[in-house]
């Protein structure tokens, strides 16, 4: 059903070459398909924003519709298991792909899909992947190295 809503007929948006779990696959939602996918993704987008008051759900959807951010769905049995939102950041001497938002269920069923996003980022000229997330991601992302920390003080 979701595949039909997203017009996935020829696999253009589907990355389905995982050997670890052939039932779970990755879908890259194009900007013009965000409205079709959003009803199924909103609970997980809300969950990913639970500790971030910098953006509203509408802000995130606007970024996705405008192509400023990319929406990825971890799918299994035609159900959304996870959402990831990436942003390509261009710096004077480098380009990176930031995993900005991430939420999902049964993490062991979809984290193996991350290398496919890394391949996409590499194909789009990115030099590195960056994760902005909770401390627990350090244990999951074993091939990522902690290079910085973010400290925050609320002023209002």
N, C-alpha and C. Protein backbone atom coordinates (compact mmCIF):
# COMPACT_ATOMS: atom_id res chain seq x y z
N UNK A 1 0.82 -1.19 0.00
CA UNK A 1 0.00 0.00 0.00
C UNK A 1 0.86 1.26 0.00
N UNK A 2 1.81 1.36 0.94
CA UNK A 2 2.66 2.53 0.97
C UNK A 2 3.46 2.65 -0.31
N UNK A 3 3.96 1.53 -0.82
CA UNK A 3 4.72 1.57 -2.06
C UNK A 3 3.88 2.18 -3.18
N UNK A 4 2.60 1.85 -3.25
CA UNK A 4 1.73 2.43 -4.27
C UNK A 4 1.55 3.92 -4.02
N UNK A 5 1.39 4.32 -2.74
CA UNK A 5 1.23 5.73 -2.42
C UNK A 5 2.45 6.54 -2.83
N UNK A 6 3.63 5.92 -2.72
CA UNK A 6 4.86 6.62 -3.05
C UNK A 6 5.29 6.38 -4.50
N UNK A 7 4.43 5.74 -5.27
CA UNK A 7 4.72 5.47 -6.68
C UNK A 7 6.00 4.67 -6.86
N UNK A 8 6.22 3.69 -6.00
CA UNK A 8 7.40 2.85 -6.12
C UNK A 8 7.00 1.63 -6.92
N UNK A 9 7.30 1.69 -8.19
CA UNK A 9 6.96 0.57 -9.07
C UNK A 9 8.22 -0.05 -9.64
N UNK A 10 9.22 0.76 -9.87
CA UNK A 10 10.41 0.25 -10.53
C UNK A 10 11.63 0.22 -9.61
N UNK A 11 11.43 0.47 -8.32
CA UNK A 11 12.55 0.42 -7.39
C UNK A 11 13.41 1.67 -7.35
N UNK A 12 13.01 2.71 -8.06
CA UNK A 12 13.83 3.91 -8.08
C UNK A 12 14.11 4.45 -6.68
N UNK A 13 13.12 4.43 -5.82
CA UNK A 13 13.27 5.00 -4.49
C UNK A 13 13.60 3.95 -3.44
N UNK A 14 13.64 2.70 -3.82
CA UNK A 14 13.81 1.63 -2.85
C UNK A 14 15.23 1.11 -2.90
N UNK A 15 15.86 1.05 -1.74
CA UNK A 15 17.18 0.45 -1.61
C UNK A 15 16.92 -0.87 -0.91
N UNK A 16 16.98 -1.97 -1.62
CA UNK A 16 16.61 -3.26 -1.04
C UNK A 16 17.69 -4.28 -1.34
N UNK A 17 18.90 -4.02 -0.86
CA UNK A 17 19.94 -4.99 -1.11
C UNK A 17 20.62 -5.43 0.19
N UNK A 18 19.86 -5.44 1.26
CA UNK A 18 20.40 -5.88 2.54
C UNK A 18 20.41 -7.40 2.60
N UNK A 19 21.52 -7.96 3.02
CA UNK A 19 21.60 -9.39 3.21
C UNK A 19 21.20 -9.78 4.62
N UNK A 20 21.31 -8.86 5.57
CA UNK A 20 21.04 -9.18 6.97
C UNK A 20 19.57 -9.51 7.23
N UNK A 21 18.67 -8.76 6.64
CA UNK A 21 17.24 -8.96 6.89
C UNK A 21 16.49 -8.58 5.63
N UNK A 22 16.25 -9.54 4.74
CA UNK A 22 15.62 -9.21 3.46
C UNK A 22 14.20 -8.69 3.59
N UNK A 23 13.58 -8.85 4.76
CA UNK A 23 12.22 -8.35 4.93
C UNK A 23 12.19 -6.86 5.23
N UNK A 24 13.30 -6.30 5.63
CA UNK A 24 13.37 -4.88 5.95
C UNK A 24 14.09 -4.18 4.80
N UNK A 25 13.52 -3.08 4.35
CA UNK A 25 14.15 -2.36 3.25
C UNK A 25 14.04 -0.87 3.49
N UNK A 26 14.83 -0.12 2.76
CA UNK A 26 14.94 1.32 2.91
C UNK A 26 14.26 2.01 1.75
N UNK A 27 13.47 3.03 2.07
CA UNK A 27 12.82 3.85 1.03
C UNK A 27 13.27 5.28 1.22
N UNK A 28 13.75 5.88 0.15
CA UNK A 28 14.08 7.31 0.14
C UNK A 28 12.87 8.05 -0.43
N UNK A 29 12.23 8.84 0.40
CA UNK A 29 11.02 9.56 -0.01
C UNK A 29 11.43 10.86 -0.68
N UNK A 30 11.04 11.01 -1.92
CA UNK A 30 11.36 12.23 -2.67
C UNK A 30 10.52 13.40 -2.16
N UNK A 31 10.98 14.65 -2.35
CA UNK A 31 10.25 15.81 -1.84
C UNK A 31 8.78 15.87 -2.28
N UNK A 32 8.51 15.48 -3.52
CA UNK A 32 7.12 15.56 -3.99
C UNK A 32 6.25 14.41 -3.47
N UNK A 33 6.85 13.49 -2.69
CA UNK A 33 6.10 12.37 -2.13
C UNK A 33 5.94 12.48 -0.60
N UNK A 34 6.47 13.54 -0.02
CA UNK A 34 6.43 13.72 1.43
C UNK A 34 4.99 13.76 1.95
N UNK A 35 4.11 14.46 1.25
CA UNK A 35 2.72 14.54 1.71
C UNK A 35 2.05 13.17 1.74
N UNK A 36 2.36 12.31 0.79
CA UNK A 36 1.80 10.96 0.78
C UNK A 36 2.32 10.12 1.95
N UNK A 37 3.59 10.29 2.28
CA UNK A 37 4.22 9.48 3.31
C UNK A 37 3.98 10.03 4.72
N UNK A 38 3.72 11.33 4.83
CA UNK A 38 3.69 11.94 6.16
C UNK A 38 2.67 11.36 7.13
N UNK A 39 1.46 10.96 6.71
CA UNK A 39 0.54 10.40 7.72
C UNK A 39 1.10 9.17 8.43
N UNK A 40 1.88 8.37 7.72
CA UNK A 40 2.46 7.18 8.32
C UNK A 40 3.72 7.49 9.13
N UNK A 41 4.32 8.63 8.87
CA UNK A 41 5.59 8.98 9.50
C UNK A 41 5.44 9.93 10.69
N UNK A 42 4.32 10.63 10.76
CA UNK A 42 4.19 11.69 11.78
C UNK A 42 4.45 11.22 13.20
N UNK A 43 3.94 10.06 13.62
CA UNK A 43 4.24 9.64 15.00
C UNK A 43 5.74 9.51 15.27
N UNK A 44 6.48 8.97 14.31
CA UNK A 44 7.92 8.81 14.52
C UNK A 44 8.66 10.13 14.39
N UNK A 45 8.18 11.03 13.54
CA UNK A 45 8.81 12.36 13.47
C UNK A 45 8.58 13.08 14.80
N UNK A 46 7.36 12.99 15.34
CA UNK A 46 7.08 13.59 16.65
C UNK A 46 8.01 13.01 17.71
N UNK A 47 8.16 11.71 17.69
CA UNK A 47 9.04 11.04 18.66
C UNK A 47 10.47 11.55 18.54
N UNK A 48 10.94 11.73 17.31
CA UNK A 48 12.32 12.18 17.11
C UNK A 48 12.53 13.62 17.56
N UNK A 49 11.45 14.38 17.62
CA UNK A 49 11.53 15.78 18.05
C UNK A 49 11.25 15.97 19.54
N UNK A 50 11.01 14.91 20.27
CA UNK A 50 10.55 15.03 21.65
C UNK A 50 11.50 15.83 22.55
N UNK A 51 12.79 15.78 22.28
CA UNK A 51 13.76 16.51 23.09
C UNK A 51 14.31 17.74 22.37
N UNK A 52 13.70 18.13 21.27
CA UNK A 52 14.22 19.24 20.45
C UNK A 52 13.11 20.25 20.21
N UNK A 53 13.22 21.39 20.85
CA UNK A 53 12.21 22.43 20.66
C UNK A 53 12.62 23.42 19.57
N UNK A 54 13.70 23.12 18.86
CA UNK A 54 14.18 24.03 17.81
C UNK A 54 13.33 23.98 16.55
N UNK A 55 12.64 22.85 16.34
CA UNK A 55 11.85 22.65 15.13
C UNK A 55 10.49 22.07 15.50
N UNK A 56 9.48 22.49 14.76
CA UNK A 56 8.17 21.88 14.88
C UNK A 56 8.04 20.81 13.80
N UNK A 57 7.01 20.02 13.88
CA UNK A 57 6.76 19.01 12.84
C UNK A 57 6.56 19.70 11.50
N UNK A 58 5.83 20.81 11.50
CA UNK A 58 5.62 21.55 10.24
C UNK A 58 6.94 22.04 9.66
N UNK A 59 7.86 22.48 10.53
CA UNK A 59 9.18 22.91 10.05
C UNK A 59 9.91 21.77 9.35
N UNK A 60 9.86 20.59 9.98
CA UNK A 60 10.54 19.42 9.40
C UNK A 60 9.91 19.07 8.05
N UNK A 61 8.58 19.02 8.01
CA UNK A 61 7.89 18.69 6.75
C UNK A 61 8.22 19.71 5.66
N UNK A 62 8.30 20.99 6.03
CA UNK A 62 8.69 22.02 5.04
C UNK A 62 10.09 21.76 4.50
N UNK A 63 11.03 21.44 5.40
CA UNK A 63 12.41 21.15 4.96
C UNK A 63 12.42 19.97 3.99
N UNK A 64 11.62 18.94 4.29
CA UNK A 64 11.55 17.76 3.43
C UNK A 64 10.91 18.09 2.08
N UNK A 65 9.81 18.82 2.10
CA UNK A 65 9.11 19.17 0.84
C UNK A 65 9.97 20.05 -0.05
N UNK A 66 10.78 20.91 0.56
CA UNK A 66 11.65 21.82 -0.20
C UNK A 66 12.95 21.16 -0.63
N UNK A 67 13.17 19.92 -0.23
CA UNK A 67 14.39 19.21 -0.61
C UNK A 67 15.61 19.63 0.19
N UNK A 68 15.42 20.37 1.26
CA UNK A 68 16.55 20.78 2.11
C UNK A 68 16.98 19.64 3.03
N UNK A 69 16.09 18.69 3.24
CA UNK A 69 16.38 17.50 4.05
C UNK A 69 15.81 16.30 3.31
N UNK A 70 16.27 15.11 3.68
CA UNK A 70 15.86 13.89 3.02
C UNK A 70 15.18 12.97 4.04
N UNK A 71 14.06 12.36 3.62
CA UNK A 71 13.33 11.43 4.47
C UNK A 71 13.60 10.01 4.03
N UNK A 72 13.97 9.18 4.99
CA UNK A 72 14.25 7.77 4.75
C UNK A 72 13.32 6.95 5.64
N UNK A 73 12.74 5.90 5.08
CA UNK A 73 11.86 5.03 5.83
C UNK A 73 12.44 3.63 5.90
N UNK A 74 12.52 3.08 7.08
CA UNK A 74 12.84 1.67 7.24
C UNK A 74 11.53 0.92 7.22
N UNK A 75 11.30 0.11 6.20
CA UNK A 75 10.01 -0.54 5.98
C UNK A 75 10.11 -2.05 6.23
N UNK A 76 9.04 -2.60 6.77
CA UNK A 76 8.94 -4.05 6.95
C UNK A 76 7.45 -4.40 6.91
N UNK A 77 7.11 -5.38 6.11
CA UNK A 77 5.70 -5.78 5.96
C UNK A 77 4.81 -4.58 5.63
N UNK A 78 5.31 -3.71 4.77
CA UNK A 78 4.59 -2.52 4.32
C UNK A 78 4.24 -1.56 5.46
N UNK A 79 5.00 -1.63 6.55
CA UNK A 79 4.80 -0.73 7.68
C UNK A 79 6.09 0.02 7.96
N UNK A 80 5.95 1.27 8.35
CA UNK A 80 7.12 2.08 8.70
C UNK A 80 7.64 1.63 10.05
N UNK A 81 8.88 1.14 10.06
CA UNK A 81 9.54 0.73 11.29
C UNK A 81 10.41 1.83 11.86
N UNK A 82 10.90 2.71 10.97
CA UNK A 82 11.81 3.77 11.40
C UNK A 82 11.77 4.91 10.40
N UNK A 83 12.09 6.09 10.89
CA UNK A 83 12.32 7.24 10.01
C UNK A 83 13.69 7.80 10.33
N UNK A 84 14.35 8.24 9.31
CA UNK A 84 15.59 8.99 9.46
C UNK A 84 15.47 10.20 8.58
N UNK A 85 15.94 11.32 9.08
CA UNK A 85 15.97 12.54 8.28
C UNK A 85 17.42 12.98 8.21
N UNK A 86 17.90 13.13 6.99
CA UNK A 86 19.28 13.56 6.78
C UNK A 86 19.30 14.95 6.17
N UNK A 87 20.43 15.61 6.35
CA UNK A 87 20.67 16.93 5.76
C UNK A 87 22.10 16.94 5.26
N UNK A 88 22.30 17.40 4.05
CA UNK A 88 23.66 17.56 3.54
C UNK A 88 24.14 18.96 3.91
N UNK A 89 25.27 19.00 4.61
CA UNK A 89 25.87 20.27 5.02
C UNK A 89 27.12 20.50 4.20
N UNK A 90 27.19 21.68 3.60
CA UNK A 90 28.36 22.04 2.79
C UNK A 90 29.18 23.06 3.56
N UNK A 91 30.43 22.70 3.82
CA UNK A 91 31.36 23.55 4.54
C UNK A 91 32.44 24.00 3.57
N UNK A 92 33.26 25.00 3.92
CA UNK A 92 34.28 25.47 2.98
C UNK A 92 35.21 24.38 2.46
N UNK A 93 35.57 23.41 3.30
CA UNK A 93 36.54 22.40 2.89
C UNK A 93 36.00 20.98 2.90
N UNK A 94 34.73 20.81 3.16
CA UNK A 94 34.18 19.46 3.24
C UNK A 94 32.66 19.50 3.09
N UNK A 95 32.10 18.33 2.92
CA UNK A 95 30.66 18.16 2.80
C UNK A 95 30.29 16.94 3.63
N UNK A 96 29.26 17.07 4.48
CA UNK A 96 28.86 15.92 5.28
C UNK A 96 27.37 15.69 5.19
N UNK A 97 26.98 14.49 5.55
CA UNK A 97 25.58 14.10 5.62
C UNK A 97 25.24 13.88 7.08
N UNK A 98 24.39 14.72 7.60
CA UNK A 98 23.98 14.67 9.00
C UNK A 98 22.72 13.84 9.16
N UNK A 99 22.76 12.84 10.03
CA UNK A 99 21.53 12.17 10.43
C UNK A 99 20.95 13.06 11.51
N UNK A 100 19.97 13.85 11.12
CA UNK A 100 19.41 14.91 11.95
C UNK A 100 18.36 14.36 12.90
N UNK A 101 17.45 13.57 12.38
CA UNK A 101 16.37 13.00 13.18
C UNK A 101 16.31 11.50 12.93
N UNK A 102 15.98 10.76 13.97
CA UNK A 102 15.88 9.32 13.83
C UNK A 102 14.98 8.79 14.94
N UNK A 103 14.06 7.92 14.56
CA UNK A 103 13.20 7.25 15.54
C UNK A 103 12.68 5.98 14.90
N UNK A 104 12.40 5.00 15.73
CA UNK A 104 11.85 3.77 15.18
C UNK A 104 11.59 2.73 16.23
N UNK A 105 11.09 1.62 15.76
CA UNK A 105 10.76 0.47 16.60
C UNK A 105 11.65 -0.69 16.21
N UNK A 106 11.99 -1.53 17.16
CA UNK A 106 12.78 -2.73 16.89
C UNK A 106 14.05 -2.40 16.12
N UNK A 107 14.89 -1.61 16.74
CA UNK A 107 16.10 -1.08 16.10
C UNK A 107 16.92 -2.15 15.39
N UNK A 108 16.95 -3.35 15.95
CA UNK A 108 17.75 -4.42 15.33
C UNK A 108 17.24 -4.80 13.95
N UNK A 109 16.02 -4.43 13.62
CA UNK A 109 15.47 -4.75 12.30
C UNK A 109 15.79 -3.73 11.22
N UNK A 110 16.33 -2.57 11.60
CA UNK A 110 16.57 -1.55 10.57
C UNK A 110 17.92 -0.83 10.63
N UNK A 111 18.66 -0.91 11.72
CA UNK A 111 19.94 -0.18 11.75
C UNK A 111 20.93 -0.71 10.72
N UNK A 112 20.76 -1.95 10.29
CA UNK A 112 21.65 -2.49 9.25
C UNK A 112 21.44 -1.78 7.90
N UNK A 113 20.41 -0.95 7.79
CA UNK A 113 20.15 -0.22 6.55
C UNK A 113 21.01 1.04 6.43
N UNK A 114 21.62 1.47 7.52
CA UNK A 114 22.40 2.72 7.52
C UNK A 114 23.50 2.76 6.46
N UNK A 115 24.22 1.67 6.20
CA UNK A 115 25.24 1.73 5.14
C UNK A 115 24.67 2.14 3.77
N UNK A 116 23.40 1.88 3.53
CA UNK A 116 22.80 2.28 2.26
C UNK A 116 22.66 3.81 2.20
N UNK A 117 22.36 4.44 3.34
CA UNK A 117 22.32 5.90 3.39
C UNK A 117 23.74 6.44 3.24
N UNK A 118 24.70 5.77 3.84
CA UNK A 118 26.10 6.18 3.68
C UNK A 118 26.53 6.11 2.22
N UNK A 119 26.13 5.06 1.51
CA UNK A 119 26.44 4.95 0.09
C UNK A 119 25.80 6.09 -0.70
N UNK A 120 24.55 6.42 -0.36
CA UNK A 120 23.86 7.53 -1.02
C UNK A 120 24.63 8.82 -0.78
N UNK A 121 25.04 9.05 0.47
CA UNK A 121 25.77 10.27 0.82
C UNK A 121 27.09 10.35 0.06
N UNK A 122 27.78 9.24 -0.01
CA UNK A 122 29.05 9.20 -0.74
C UNK A 122 28.81 9.53 -2.21
N UNK A 123 27.74 8.99 -2.80
CA UNK A 123 27.42 9.26 -4.20
C UNK A 123 27.05 10.73 -4.42
N UNK A 124 26.63 11.42 -3.35
CA UNK A 124 26.30 12.84 -3.44
C UNK A 124 27.45 13.72 -2.97
N UNK A 125 28.64 13.17 -2.94
CA UNK A 125 29.84 13.95 -2.69
C UNK A 125 30.17 14.21 -1.23
N UNK A 126 29.53 13.52 -0.32
CA UNK A 126 29.82 13.74 1.10
C UNK A 126 31.12 13.06 1.51
N UNK A 127 31.86 13.76 2.35
CA UNK A 127 33.12 13.24 2.87
C UNK A 127 32.93 12.47 4.17
N UNK A 128 31.82 12.71 4.85
CA UNK A 128 31.60 12.08 6.15
C UNK A 128 30.11 12.01 6.47
N UNK A 129 29.79 11.10 7.38
CA UNK A 129 28.46 11.02 7.98
C UNK A 129 28.60 11.57 9.40
N UNK A 130 27.59 12.29 9.84
CA UNK A 130 27.57 12.87 11.18
C UNK A 130 26.23 12.50 11.81
N UNK A 131 26.27 12.12 13.07
CA UNK A 131 25.05 11.78 13.79
C UNK A 131 24.86 12.79 14.91
N UNK A 132 23.68 13.35 14.95
CA UNK A 132 23.29 14.21 16.08
C UNK A 132 22.21 13.44 16.82
N UNK A 133 22.53 12.97 18.00
CA UNK A 133 21.56 12.15 18.71
C UNK A 133 21.91 11.97 20.16
N UNK A 134 21.17 11.11 20.79
CA UNK A 134 21.39 10.81 22.20
C UNK A 134 22.63 9.96 22.38
N UNK A 135 23.14 9.97 23.60
CA UNK A 135 24.36 9.25 23.94
C UNK A 135 24.29 7.77 23.59
N UNK A 136 23.13 7.15 23.67
CA UNK A 136 22.98 5.73 23.40
C UNK A 136 23.36 5.32 21.99
N UNK A 137 23.33 6.26 21.04
CA UNK A 137 23.69 5.92 19.66
C UNK A 137 25.16 5.53 19.55
N UNK A 138 25.98 5.97 20.51
CA UNK A 138 27.40 5.60 20.49
C UNK A 138 27.58 4.09 20.50
N UNK A 139 26.75 3.40 21.27
CA UNK A 139 26.84 1.94 21.37
C UNK A 139 26.38 1.25 20.10
N UNK A 140 25.42 1.87 19.40
CA UNK A 140 24.86 1.28 18.19
C UNK A 140 25.76 1.53 16.98
N UNK A 141 26.29 2.73 16.89
CA UNK A 141 27.07 3.16 15.73
C UNK A 141 28.55 2.86 15.98
N UNK A 142 28.89 1.60 16.04
CA UNK A 142 30.23 1.17 16.44
C UNK A 142 31.33 1.62 15.49
N UNK A 143 31.02 1.82 14.22
CA UNK A 143 32.05 2.26 13.29
C UNK A 143 32.12 3.78 13.15
N UNK A 144 31.40 4.50 14.03
CA UNK A 144 31.47 5.95 14.10
C UNK A 144 32.33 6.33 15.31
N UNK A 145 33.01 7.45 15.20
CA UNK A 145 33.91 7.90 16.25
C UNK A 145 33.37 9.19 16.86
N UNK A 146 33.36 9.27 18.19
CA UNK A 146 32.95 10.51 18.85
C UNK A 146 34.05 11.53 18.67
N UNK A 147 33.75 12.63 17.99
CA UNK A 147 34.74 13.68 17.74
C UNK A 147 34.43 14.97 18.48
N UNK A 148 33.19 15.15 18.88
CA UNK A 148 32.77 16.37 19.57
C UNK A 148 31.64 16.03 20.54
N UNK A 149 31.36 16.95 21.41
CA UNK A 149 30.15 16.86 22.21
C UNK A 149 29.41 18.17 22.04
N UNK A 150 28.14 18.15 22.31
CA UNK A 150 27.34 19.37 22.25
C UNK A 150 26.85 19.66 23.65
N UNK A 151 27.13 20.83 24.12
CA UNK A 151 26.64 21.30 25.41
C UNK A 151 25.59 22.36 25.15
N UNK A 152 24.54 22.34 25.93
CA UNK A 152 23.44 23.26 25.69
C UNK A 152 22.96 23.83 27.01
N UNK A 153 22.67 25.11 27.02
CA UNK A 153 22.09 25.77 28.18
C UNK A 153 20.86 26.54 27.70
N UNK A 154 19.71 26.21 28.24
CA UNK A 154 18.47 26.89 27.87
C UNK A 154 18.50 28.30 28.48
N UNK A 155 18.15 29.28 27.70
CA UNK A 155 18.10 30.66 28.17
C UNK A 155 16.67 31.14 28.39
N UNK A 156 15.71 30.40 27.94
CA UNK A 156 14.29 30.75 28.18
C UNK A 156 13.53 29.53 28.59
